[in-house]
Amino acid sequence: MALHLRKRCIQTVKVVGSKRKGDYSLVLNQHGECIGFGRILVNLDEAVEGVVVKNISDVGDFLRREKSQT
């Protein structure tokens, strides 16, 4: 599964937790680092291509909030 962030593509991501539609899950990069948290849009066993996790929060959001506080 590939995840596109702005103009770059992260080739390998892993969804941790349930793989059922409607559940919440963590998204990890190829190094096992958490890059986001979201809600699963389709059963991951049935997903072929496209957006499968709707972003709720990600590392960029955290960094933007921290930057605005300084």
C-alpha atoms as a PDB file:
ATOM      1  CA  MET A   1       0.000   0.000   0.000  1.00  0.00           C
ATOM      2  CA  ALA A   2       1.399   3.431  -0.901  1.00  0.00           C
ATOM      3  CA  LEU A   3       0.570   6.638   0.934  1.00  0.00           C
ATOM      4  CA  HIS A   4       0.902   9.980  -0.816  1.00  0.00           C
ATOM      5  CA  LEU A   5       1.836  12.997   1.288  1.00  0.00           C
ATOM      6  CA  ARG A   6       1.848  16.208  -0.727  1.00  0.00           C
ATOM      7  CA  LYS A   7       4.234  15.553  -3.627  1.00  0.00           C
ATOM      8  CA  ARG A   8       6.176  12.622  -2.241  1.00  0.00           C
ATOM      9  CA  CYS A   9       5.156   9.013  -1.895  1.00  0.00           C
ATOM     10  CA  ILE A  10       5.933   6.742   1.019  1.00  0.00           C
ATOM     11  CA  GLN A  11       6.234   3.329  -0.593  1.00  0.00           C
ATOM     12  CA  THR A  12       5.561   1.082   2.372  1.00  0.00           C
ATOM     13  CA  VAL A  13       3.024   1.780   5.099  1.00  0.00           C
ATOM     14  CA  LYS A  14       1.431  -0.542   7.588  1.00  0.00           C
ATOM     15  CA  VAL A  15      -1.970  -0.186   9.200  1.00  0.00           C
ATOM     16  CA  VAL A  16      -1.873  -1.420  12.804  1.00  0.00           C
ATOM     17  CA  GLY A  17      -4.971  -2.627  14.584  1.00  0.00           C
ATOM     18  CA  SER A  18      -8.295  -3.755  13.227  1.00  0.00           C
ATOM     19  CA  LYS A  19      -8.776  -3.985   9.475  1.00  0.00           C
ATOM     20  CA  ARG A  20     -12.565  -3.496   9.600  1.00  0.00           C
ATOM     21  CA  LYS A  21     -14.451  -0.558   8.116  1.00  0.00           C
ATOM     22  CA  GLY A  22     -15.275   2.123  10.700  1.00  0.00           C
ATOM     23  CA  ASP A  23     -12.548   1.161  13.175  1.00  0.00           C
ATOM     24  CA  TYR A  24      -9.635   3.419  14.106  1.00  0.00           C
ATOM     25  CA  SER A  25      -6.068   2.553  13.252  1.00  0.00           C
ATOM     26  CA  LEU A  26      -2.465   3.735  13.402  1.00  0.00           C
ATOM     27  CA  VAL A  27      -0.465   4.130  10.184  1.00  0.00           C
ATOM     28  CA  LEU A  28       3.249   3.292  10.372  1.00  0.00           C
ATOM     29  CA  ASN A  29       5.993   4.069   7.857  1.00  0.00           C
ATOM     30  CA  GLN A  30       8.569   1.585   6.571  1.00  0.00           C
ATOM     31  CA  HIS A  31      10.671   2.129   9.735  1.00  0.00           C
ATOM     32  CA  GLY A  32       7.811   1.300  12.119  1.00  0.00           C
ATOM     33  CA  GLU A  33       7.322   4.948  13.143  1.00  0.00           C
ATOM     34  CA  CYS A  34       3.768   6.170  13.646  1.00  0.00           C
ATOM     35  CA  ILE A  35       2.979   8.799  11.005  1.00  0.00           C
ATOM     36  CA  GLY A  36      -0.752   9.080  11.544  1.00  0.00           C
ATOM     37  CA  PHE A  37      -4.038   8.013  13.066  1.00  0.00           C
ATOM     38  CA  GLY A  38      -7.264   7.573  11.162  1.00  0.00           C
ATOM     39  CA  ARG A  39     -10.550   5.811  10.540  1.00  0.00           C
ATOM     40  CA  ILE A  40     -10.718   2.871   8.133  1.00  0.00           C
ATOM     41  CA  LEU A  41     -13.036   3.625   5.190  1.00  0.00           C
ATOM     42  CA  VAL A  42     -13.283   0.118   3.677  1.00  0.00           C
ATOM     43  CA  ASN A  43     -12.483  -3.377   4.900  1.00  0.00           C
ATOM     44  CA  LEU A  44      -8.743  -3.616   4.276  1.00  0.00           C
ATOM     45  CA  ASP A  45      -9.005  -7.245   3.173  1.00  0.00           C
ATOM     46  CA  GLU A  46     -11.207  -6.038   0.274  1.00  0.00           C
ATOM     47  CA  ALA A  47      -9.347  -2.824  -0.605  1.00  0.00           C
ATOM     48  CA  VAL A  48      -7.553  -2.845  -3.939  1.00  0.00           C
ATOM     49  CA  GLU A  49      -6.282   0.712  -4.355  1.00  0.00           C
ATOM     50  CA  GLY A  50      -6.926   4.286  -3.295  1.00  0.00           C
ATOM     51  CA  VAL A  51      -7.589   5.979   0.020  1.00  0.00           C
ATOM     52  CA  VAL A  52      -8.469   3.412   2.691  1.00  0.00           C
ATOM     53  CA  VAL A  53      -7.842   5.383   5.904  1.00  0.00           C
ATOM     54  CA  LYS A  54      -9.294   8.858   6.548  1.00  0.00           C
ATOM     55  CA  ASN A  55      -6.757  10.991   8.371  1.00  0.00           C
ATOM     56  CA  ILE A  56      -7.705  12.241  11.830  1.00  0.00           C
ATOM     57  CA  SER A  57      -4.283  13.355  12.997  1.00  0.00           C
ATOM     58  CA  ASP A  58      -0.736  12.978  11.731  1.00  0.00           C
ATOM     59  CA  VAL A  59       2.847  13.900  12.554  1.00  0.00           C
ATOM     60  CA  GLY A  60       2.619  17.100  10.496  1.00  0.00           C
ATOM     61  CA  ASP A  61      -0.386  18.287  12.504  1.00  0.00           C
ATOM     62  CA  PHE A  62       1.488  17.692  15.753  1.00  0.00           C
ATOM     63  CA  LEU A  63       4.560  19.569  14.478  1.00  0.00           C
ATOM     64  CA  ARG A  64       2.451  22.523  13.227  1.00  0.00           C
ATOM     65  CA  ARG A  65       0.756  22.853  16.635  1.00  0.00           C
ATOM     66  CA  GLU A  66       4.103  22.741  18.444  1.00  0.00           C
ATOM     67  CA  LYS A  67       5.552  25.386  16.102  1.00  0.00           C
ATOM     68  CA  SER A  68       2.649  27.796  16.704  1.00  0.00           C
ATOM     69  CA  GLN A  69       3.170  27.619  20.489  1.00  0.00           C
ATOM     70  CA  THR A  70       6.772  28.841  20.347  1.00  0.00           C
END
